[in-house]
Amino acid sequence: MSHAGRPAVRSHGFVNPPVHRGSTVLYPSCEARRDLAQQRFEQVLTYGTAGGPTHHALEDVVAEIEGGSRCMIVGTGLAAVAVPLLAFLKAGDHCLMPDSVYGPARTLAEGLMRGWGVETTFYDPLVDEAATRALIRPNTKVVYTESPGSHSFEVQDIPAIARAAHAAGAKVLMDNTWGIHHFQPFRHGVDVSIQALTKYVVGHSDVLLGSVTVNDEADWVAVRTAGGAMGHYASPDDCWLALRGARTMPVRLKQQAANAMEVARWLEARPEVLRVLHPALPSHPQHALWRRDFSGACSLFGVVLRPGYTEAQVFAMIDGLKLFGIGASWGGYESLALPTTGFIRRTATAEDLGGPTFRLHIGLEDPADLIADLQAGLDTLPR
């Protein structure tokens, strides 16, 4: 990632490219304006909302990371969820969405999409190919996936789901934010890969961005048309910050993943902990799937405490942590803890994971310090 998204020709000057800001684009002639306007799906300068050099550089970087051909940058991760859903669905269509999906994606499906005449069925994320086929209807146009799932971290069999979806002519969309750099979506049958660039690409918890990446020209036209029609745009300053973050992302990911595994293994041995929801642990139910499809893991995982602890006790334990902030995002350099019991909504599978739950994002702090902080917190819980 150190050299992606840069001009191919070396030039004397600063290491990082400049920020290009602008709304109006001037043309040398009316004929040139007409010709450029016809290239609406290319990286050409036509108007500010179509993107500029800073946007295009980031799009190239993300497309390379994801293994795709084209990428569209949007203002948030949720916008990246919405654009392809609305690009491939219309009134009368049916969508399949995993029961473990990111909460705002569920809200979109149950709210605006339902109001526009799109029906969504939430399915068990652990379906195999045959079960996926059984869920698909004649009007199913999108099979949405997210692996691992939000909060509960189920690993989906993406190739099996994709085979069933493609046999029925449906598109496969995947929220690949957890798997960035470690899961190549288009090699596993995904048509559209969604990223919350806010997380690991930016890496410093100070920018909101999303991306939609495809590997097919027709899919690109559909996504770019929908995103443009809805006016989606991202600030070039934010894109520049994401470009800067992308240069160090592989190093940050590697260190944070190692830190997270050290913390996760320690938590597994604690008497207060029922289980740790981390796909890279051999104890995870879908560990074999993770080993088959992923080249590594990230720093976000869940913890299930033994039953019997009250909400007040769990809240007090997390409130008392010194090195963990209480926040809903992840992917930055700082560690976060978040209670998730009561925030997990399920309609097709069981909500109860066996005990009170919380989610940890492990940052770049010394894992020994994080473990000491967690030990002090867990020691406050009654035995």
Protein backbone atom coordinates (compact mmCIF):
# COMPACT_ATOMS: atom_id res chain seq x y z
CA MET A 1 0.00 0.00 0.00
CA SER A 2 3.01 2.31 0.35
CA HIS A 3 3.08 3.16 -3.35
CA ALA A 4 -0.50 2.56 -4.50
CA GLY A 5 -2.61 5.46 -5.75
CA ARG A 6 0.38 7.54 -6.81
CA PRO A 7 1.40 8.82 -10.25
CA ALA A 8 3.34 6.23 -12.21
CA VAL A 9 5.97 8.80 -13.22
CA ARG A 10 8.37 9.88 -10.49
CA SER A 11 8.51 13.61 -9.92
CA HIS A 12 10.56 15.91 -7.74
CA GLY A 13 8.53 17.19 -4.83
CA PHE A 14 6.70 16.16 -1.67
CA VAL A 15 6.15 12.50 -0.83
CA ASN A 16 2.37 12.79 -0.48
CA PRO A 17 0.15 14.07 -3.29
CA PRO A 18 -1.65 17.40 -2.84
CA VAL A 19 -5.31 17.77 -1.87
CA HIS A 20 -7.45 18.75 -4.85
CA ARG A 21 -10.56 20.68 -3.80
CA GLY A 22 -13.12 21.97 -6.23
CA SER A 23 -16.69 22.09 -7.45
CA THR A 24 -16.54 23.80 -10.85
CA VAL A 25 -14.39 22.26 -13.57
CA LEU A 26 -13.35 24.51 -16.46
CA TYR A 27 -13.13 23.14 -19.99
CA PRO A 28 -10.98 24.37 -22.86
CA SER A 29 -13.95 24.28 -25.23
CA CYS A 30 -17.64 23.35 -25.52
CA GLU A 31 -16.68 20.32 -27.57
CA ALA A 32 -14.32 19.12 -24.84
CA ARG A 33 -17.07 19.53 -22.25
CA ARG A 34 -19.47 17.47 -24.37
CA ASP A 35 -16.90 14.71 -24.88
CA LEU A 36 -15.97 14.51 -21.21
CA ALA A 37 -19.60 14.52 -20.11
CA GLN A 38 -20.12 11.35 -22.13
CA GLN A 39 -17.42 9.60 -20.07
CA ARG A 40 -19.50 9.77 -16.89
CA PHE A 41 -18.30 6.43 -15.52
CA GLU A 42 -14.58 7.15 -15.97
CA GLN A 43 -12.12 8.98 -13.75
CA VAL A 44 -12.44 12.28 -15.60
CA LEU A 45 -12.95 15.79 -14.26
CA THR A 46 -16.49 16.91 -15.03
CA TYR A 47 -17.85 18.38 -11.79
CA GLY A 48 -16.88 18.23 -8.15
CA THR A 49 -19.44 15.58 -7.18
CA ALA A 50 -17.94 13.21 -9.77
CA GLY A 51 -14.67 13.29 -7.84
CA GLY A 52 -11.24 14.71 -8.46
CA PRO A 53 -7.62 13.53 -8.38
CA THR A 54 -7.64 12.97 -4.61
CA HIS A 55 -10.82 10.85 -4.79
CA HIS A 56 -9.47 8.91 -7.76
CA ALA A 57 -6.20 8.12 -6.00
CA LEU A 58 -8.07 6.69 -2.99
CA GLU A 59 -10.43 4.76 -5.26
CA ASP A 60 -7.42 3.16 -6.95
CA VAL A 61 -5.88 2.23 -3.60
CA VAL A 62 -9.05 0.61 -2.24
CA ALA A 63 -9.73 -1.24 -5.51
CA GLU A 64 -6.22 -2.68 -5.31
CA ILE A 65 -6.64 -3.72 -1.67
CA GLU A 66 -9.97 -5.40 -2.44
CA GLY A 67 -8.77 -7.03 -5.66
CA GLY A 68 -11.44 -5.27 -7.73
CA SER A 69 -11.42 -3.13 -10.85
CA ARG A 70 -13.46 -0.05 -9.85
CA CYS A 71 -14.25 1.71 -6.59
CA MET A 72 -16.56 4.53 -5.54
CA ILE A 73 -15.80 6.56 -2.42
CA VAL A 74 -18.76 7.78 -0.35
CA GLY A 75 -19.11 9.78 2.82
CA THR A 76 -19.78 7.00 5.39
CA GLY A 77 -19.74 3.24 5.81
CA LEU A 78 -23.54 3.22 5.95
CA ALA A 79 -23.66 5.08 2.63
CA ALA A 80 -21.48 2.31 1.22
CA VAL A 81 -24.10 -0.19 2.42
CA ALA A 82 -27.00 1.77 0.98
CA VAL A 83 -25.65 2.56 -2.50
CA PRO A 84 -25.34 -1.01 -3.84
CA LEU A 85 -28.54 -2.16 -2.15
CA LEU A 86 -30.47 0.58 -3.90
CA ALA A 87 -28.53 0.04 -7.12
CA PHE A 88 -29.67 -3.56 -7.48
CA LEU A 89 -33.10 -3.53 -5.78
CA LYS A 90 -36.41 -1.98 -6.82
CA ALA A 91 -40.06 -2.25 -5.77
CA GLY A 92 -41.22 -5.88 -5.86
CA ASP A 93 -37.75 -7.32 -5.33
CA HIS A 94 -36.60 -9.54 -2.49
CA CYS A 95 -33.35 -9.30 -0.51
CA LEU A 96 -31.67 -11.82 1.77
CA MET A 97 -29.72 -10.38 4.70
CA PRO A 98 -27.91 -12.27 7.50
CA ASP A 99 -29.45 -12.06 10.94
CA SER A 100 -26.05 -10.98 12.30
CA VAL A 101 -25.89 -7.90 10.06
CA TYR A 102 -24.66 -4.46 11.12
CA GLY A 103 -27.57 -2.79 12.95
CA PRO A 104 -27.99 0.27 10.67
CA ALA A 105 -28.12 -2.03 7.63
CA ARG A 106 -31.02 -3.88 9.28
CA THR A 107 -32.69 -0.54 10.01
CA LEU A 108 -32.34 0.45 6.35
CA ALA A 109 -33.91 -2.82 5.20
CA GLU A 110 -36.79 -2.66 7.69
CA GLY A 111 -37.43 1.03 7.12
CA LEU A 112 -36.75 2.81 3.83
CA MET A 113 -36.37 -0.34 1.73
CA ARG A 114 -39.62 -1.80 3.02
CA GLY A 115 -41.35 1.52 2.36
CA TRP A 116 -40.09 1.42 -1.22
CA GLY A 117 -41.55 -2.04 -1.77
CA VAL A 118 -38.44 -4.18 -1.22
CA GLU A 119 -38.96 -7.20 1.04
CA THR A 120 -36.07 -8.46 3.15
CA THR A 121 -35.71 -11.89 4.75
CA PHE A 122 -33.17 -12.17 7.55
CA TYR A 123 -31.46 -15.55 7.44
CA ASP A 124 -29.24 -17.66 9.67
CA PRO A 125 -25.69 -16.52 8.75
CA LEU A 126 -24.46 -20.13 8.97
CA VAL A 127 -26.49 -21.36 6.00
CA ASP A 128 -24.83 -23.72 3.53
CA GLU A 129 -25.39 -23.79 -0.23
CA ALA A 130 -28.53 -25.92 -0.08
CA ALA A 131 -30.09 -23.79 2.66
CA THR A 132 -29.32 -20.64 0.68
CA ARG A 133 -31.00 -22.09 -2.40
CA ALA A 134 -34.07 -22.84 -0.32
CA LEU A 135 -34.29 -19.21 0.82
CA ILE A 136 -34.00 -17.72 -2.65
CA ARG A 137 -37.23 -16.73 -4.37
CA PRO A 138 -37.85 -15.93 -8.04
CA ASN A 139 -37.67 -12.22 -7.18
CA THR A 140 -34.55 -12.42 -4.99
CA LYS A 141 -32.10 -9.96 -6.52
CA VAL A 142 -29.55 -9.47 -3.72
CA VAL A 143 -27.98 -11.82 -1.20
CA TYR A 144 -26.25 -9.64 1.37
CA THR A 145 -23.42 -11.02 3.51
CA GLU A 146 -21.25 -9.83 6.36
CA SER A 147 -18.47 -12.04 7.62
CA PRO A 148 -17.78 -12.14 10.48
CA GLY A 149 -21.11 -10.85 11.73
CA SER A 150 -21.49 -7.76 13.86
CA HIS A 151 -21.21 -8.46 17.60
CA SER A 152 -21.59 -12.25 17.33
CA PHE A 153 -18.77 -12.89 14.80
CA GLU A 154 -20.21 -15.77 12.80
CA VAL A 155 -18.03 -16.60 9.77
CA GLN A 156 -20.14 -17.17 6.67
CA ASP A 157 -19.40 -19.68 3.91
CA ILE A 158 -19.23 -16.98 1.25
CA PRO A 159 -18.31 -19.24 -1.72
CA ALA A 160 -21.25 -21.57 -1.01
CA ILE A 161 -23.68 -18.67 -0.61
CA ALA A 162 -22.35 -17.07 -3.80
CA ARG A 163 -22.80 -20.27 -5.82
CA ALA A 164 -26.45 -20.48 -4.79
CA ALA A 165 -27.06 -16.78 -5.40
CA HIS A 166 -25.44 -16.71 -8.83
CA ALA A 167 -27.31 -19.82 -9.92
CA ALA A 168 -30.50 -17.84 -9.32
CA GLY A 169 -29.21 -14.66 -10.97
CA ALA A 170 -28.85 -12.70 -7.70
CA LYS A 171 -26.02 -10.34 -6.80
CA VAL A 172 -23.82 -11.03 -3.79
CA LEU A 173 -22.98 -8.01 -1.64
CA MET A 174 -20.54 -8.26 1.25
CA ASP A 175 -19.59 -5.97 4.08
CA ASN A 176 -15.88 -6.80 4.16
CA THR A 177 -14.77 -4.22 6.71
CA TRP A 178 -13.51 -6.82 9.24
CA GLY A 179 -11.70 -8.71 6.49
CA ILE A 180 -9.94 -5.82 4.76
CA HIS A 181 -6.48 -6.93 3.58
CA HIS A 182 -7.26 -10.49 4.77
CA PHE A 183 -10.22 -11.54 2.62
CA GLN A 184 -10.26 -11.22 -1.17
CA PRO A 185 -13.99 -10.93 -1.91
CA PHE A 186 -13.97 -11.33 -5.68
CA ARG A 187 -11.98 -14.57 -5.48
CA HIS A 188 -14.80 -15.99 -3.34
CA GLY A 189 -17.75 -15.04 -5.52
CA VAL A 190 -18.68 -11.61 -4.19
CA ASP A 191 -19.99 -9.06 -6.72
CA VAL A 192 -19.80 -5.91 -4.58
CA SER A 193 -17.50 -5.36 -1.62
CA ILE A 194 -18.43 -2.75 0.99
CA GLN A 195 -15.95 -1.06 3.30
CA ALA A 196 -16.28 1.36 6.18
CA LEU A 197 -12.99 3.10 5.44
CA THR A 198 -13.58 4.92 8.73
CA LYS A 199 -12.09 1.88 10.42
CA TYR A 200 -8.70 0.50 9.36
CA VAL A 201 -7.93 2.52 6.25
CA VAL A 202 -8.25 5.85 8.06
CA GLY A 203 -6.93 4.24 11.24
CA HIS A 204 -7.00 7.31 13.48
CA SER A 205 -10.69 7.66 14.47
CA ASP A 206 -11.03 11.11 12.93
CA VAL A 207 -12.65 10.62 9.50
CA LEU A 208 -15.90 9.09 8.22
CA LEU A 209 -15.67 7.39 4.79
CA GLY A 210 -16.98 4.37 2.92
CA SER A 211 -16.23 2.57 -0.32
CA VAL A 212 -18.06 0.37 -2.82
CA THR A 213 -15.82 -1.83 -4.96
CA VAL A 214 -16.78 -4.01 -7.94
CA ASN A 215 -14.98 -6.21 -10.44
CA ASP A 216 -17.42 -6.05 -13.36
CA GLU A 217 -18.16 -3.16 -15.71
CA ALA A 218 -21.94 -3.58 -15.62
CA ASP A 219 -21.88 -3.63 -11.82
CA TRP A 220 -19.77 -0.47 -11.88
CA VAL A 221 -22.28 1.35 -14.06
CA ALA A 222 -25.13 0.30 -11.74
CA VAL A 223 -23.33 1.36 -8.58
CA ARG A 224 -21.94 4.62 -9.97
CA THR A 225 -25.32 5.57 -11.43
CA ALA A 226 -27.12 4.95 -8.13
CA GLY A 227 -24.49 6.75 -6.06
CA GLY A 228 -24.49 9.72 -8.38
CA ALA A 229 -28.27 9.94 -8.51
CA MET A 230 -28.39 10.06 -4.69
CA GLY A 231 -25.71 12.74 -4.56
CA HIS A 232 -23.16 10.72 -2.62
CA TYR A 233 -19.84 12.49 -2.19
CA ALA A 234 -16.85 12.58 0.13
CA SER A 235 -14.61 15.45 1.11
CA PRO A 236 -11.24 15.46 -0.70
CA ASP A 237 -9.59 16.38 2.61
CA ASP A 238 -11.03 13.21 4.16
CA CYS A 239 -9.89 11.20 1.15
CA TRP A 240 -6.38 12.59 1.58
CA LEU A 241 -6.36 11.53 5.23
CA ALA A 242 -7.52 8.05 4.21
CA LEU A 243 -4.72 7.87 1.63
CA ARG A 244 -2.26 8.71 4.36
CA GLY A 245 -3.76 6.08 6.63
CA ALA A 246 -3.61 3.43 3.91
CA ARG A 247 0.21 3.73 3.77
CA THR A 248 0.57 2.33 7.28
CA MET A 249 -2.50 0.09 7.38
CA PRO A 250 -0.74 -3.27 6.80
CA VAL A 251 1.70 -2.57 9.64
CA ARG A 252 -1.05 -1.41 11.99
CA LEU A 253 -3.25 -4.38 11.12
CA LYS A 254 -0.43 -6.85 11.77
CA GLN A 255 0.43 -5.38 15.17
CA GLN A 256 -3.18 -4.93 16.27
CA ALA A 257 -4.04 -8.48 15.21
CA ALA A 258 -1.13 -9.84 17.26
CA ASN A 259 -2.15 -7.71 20.25
CA ALA A 260 -5.76 -8.88 19.91
CA MET A 261 -4.80 -12.56 19.83
CA GLU A 262 -2.71 -12.16 22.97
CA VAL A 263 -5.61 -10.50 24.78
CA ALA A 264 -8.17 -12.99 23.41
CA ARG A 265 -6.13 -16.03 24.53
CA TRP A 266 -5.76 -14.52 27.98
CA LEU A 267 -9.49 -13.86 28.23
CA GLU A 268 -10.29 -17.47 27.26
CA ALA A 269 -8.54 -18.64 30.42
CA ARG A 270 -10.39 -16.30 32.76
CA PRO A 271 -13.00 -17.92 35.06
CA GLU A 272 -15.49 -15.08 34.41
CA VAL A 273 -15.48 -15.74 30.65
CA LEU A 274 -17.73 -18.31 29.02
CA ARG A 275 -16.20 -17.93 25.54
CA VAL A 276 -14.37 -15.51 23.28
CA LEU A 277 -15.87 -14.78 19.86
CA HIS A 278 -12.73 -14.50 17.76
CA PRO A 279 -12.59 -16.45 14.46
CA ALA A 280 -8.81 -16.92 14.70
CA LEU A 281 -9.15 -18.90 17.94
CA PRO A 282 -9.37 -22.69 17.46
CA SER A 283 -12.34 -22.66 19.85
CA HIS A 284 -14.42 -20.58 17.44
CA PRO A 285 -17.12 -22.74 15.77
CA GLN A 286 -16.21 -21.51 12.27
CA HIS A 287 -12.44 -21.46 12.80
CA ALA A 288 -11.93 -23.91 9.92
CA LEU A 289 -13.86 -21.64 7.54
CA TRP A 290 -11.81 -18.67 8.68
CA ARG A 291 -8.57 -20.58 8.04
CA ARG A 292 -9.79 -21.61 4.59
CA ASP A 293 -10.86 -18.16 3.36
CA PHE A 294 -8.93 -15.54 5.34
CA SER A 295 -5.20 -14.81 5.34
CA GLY A 296 -5.38 -13.14 8.75
CA ALA A 297 -7.60 -11.52 11.34
CA CYS A 298 -8.26 -8.04 12.61
CA SER A 299 -8.44 -6.64 16.13
CA LEU A 300 -12.20 -6.73 16.81
CA PHE A 301 -13.83 -9.59 18.73
CA GLY A 302 -16.54 -10.38 21.24
CA VAL A 303 -16.51 -11.71 24.80
CA VAL A 304 -19.31 -13.71 26.43
CA LEU A 305 -19.27 -13.70 30.22
CA ARG A 306 -20.63 -16.54 32.29
CA PRO A 307 -24.36 -16.19 33.00
CA GLY A 308 -25.47 -14.50 36.18
CA TYR A 309 -23.74 -11.13 35.96
CA THR A 310 -26.11 -8.19 35.94
CA GLU A 311 -26.08 -5.31 33.49
CA ALA A 312 -25.01 -2.98 36.29
CA GLN A 313 -22.03 -5.21 37.14
CA VAL A 314 -20.90 -5.40 33.51
CA PHE A 315 -21.32 -1.65 33.05
CA ALA A 316 -19.32 -0.96 36.20
CA MET A 317 -16.56 -3.28 35.05
CA ILE A 318 -16.26 -1.52 31.68
CA ASP A 319 -16.62 1.94 33.22
CA GLY A 320 -13.64 1.15 35.43
CA LEU A 321 -11.24 0.32 32.61
CA LYS A 322 -8.43 2.86 32.28
CA LEU A 323 -7.04 2.14 28.79
CA PHE A 324 -10.25 1.25 26.97
CA GLY A 325 -12.54 3.98 25.70
CA ILE A 326 -16.28 3.27 25.51
CA GLY A 327 -17.12 3.73 21.85
CA ALA A 328 -19.07 2.13 19.02
CA SER A 329 -16.45 2.37 16.29
CA TRP A 330 -13.22 0.43 15.84
CA GLY A 331 -10.13 0.20 13.66
CA GLY A 332 -8.27 3.12 15.21
CA TYR A 333 -5.03 3.03 17.16
CA GLU A 334 -6.80 3.14 20.53
CA SER A 335 -8.54 0.28 22.33
CA LEU A 336 -12.30 0.31 22.86
CA ALA A 337 -14.82 -1.66 24.93
CA LEU A 338 -18.56 -1.73 24.36
CA PRO A 339 -21.35 -3.67 26.11
CA THR A 340 -23.42 -5.46 23.48
CA THR A 341 -26.09 -7.25 25.50
CA GLY A 342 -29.36 -5.57 24.66
CA PHE A 343 -27.98 -4.16 21.42
CA ILE A 344 -28.04 -7.46 19.50
CA ARG A 345 -31.28 -7.86 17.54
CA ARG A 346 -32.16 -11.20 15.97
CA THR A 347 -35.28 -12.40 14.18
CA ALA A 348 -34.09 -15.65 12.57
CA THR A 349 -31.63 -16.91 15.19
CA ALA A 350 -31.29 -16.81 18.97
CA GLU A 351 -30.29 -13.51 20.56
CA ASP A 352 -28.85 -15.10 23.70
CA LEU A 353 -25.17 -16.00 23.31
CA GLY A 354 -25.06 -17.72 26.70
CA GLY A 355 -24.30 -14.79 28.97
CA PRO A 356 -23.68 -11.04 29.08
CA THR A 357 -21.58 -9.87 26.13
CA PHE A 358 -19.21 -7.06 25.31
CA ARG A 359 -17.03 -6.23 22.32
CA LEU A 360 -13.36 -5.28 22.35
CA HIS A 361 -11.30 -3.47 19.77
CA ILE A 362 -7.59 -3.80 20.49
CA GLY A 363 -5.37 -0.91 19.55
CA LEU A 364 -1.64 -0.30 19.51
CA GLU A 365 -1.10 -0.16 23.26
CA ASP A 366 1.16 -2.72 24.89
CA PRO A 367 -1.00 -5.87 25.26
CA ALA A 368 0.46 -6.49 28.70
CA ASP A 369 -0.96 -3.15 29.82
CA LEU A 370 -4.34 -3.95 28.26
CA ILE A 371 -4.41 -7.34 29.98
CA ALA A 372 -3.59 -5.74 33.33
CA ASP A 373 -6.42 -3.27 32.79
CA LEU A 374 -8.88 -6.05 31.90
CA GLN A 375 -7.72 -8.14 34.85
CA ALA A 376 -8.44 -5.29 37.24
CA GLY A 377 -11.88 -4.91 35.67
CA LEU A 378 -12.78 -8.60 35.72
CA ASP A 379 -11.58 -8.87 39.33
CA THR A 380 -14.43 -6.55 40.30
CA LEU A 381 -17.00 -9.12 39.18
CA PRO A 382 -18.27 -11.51 41.86
CA ARG A 383 -16.95 -15.08 41.67
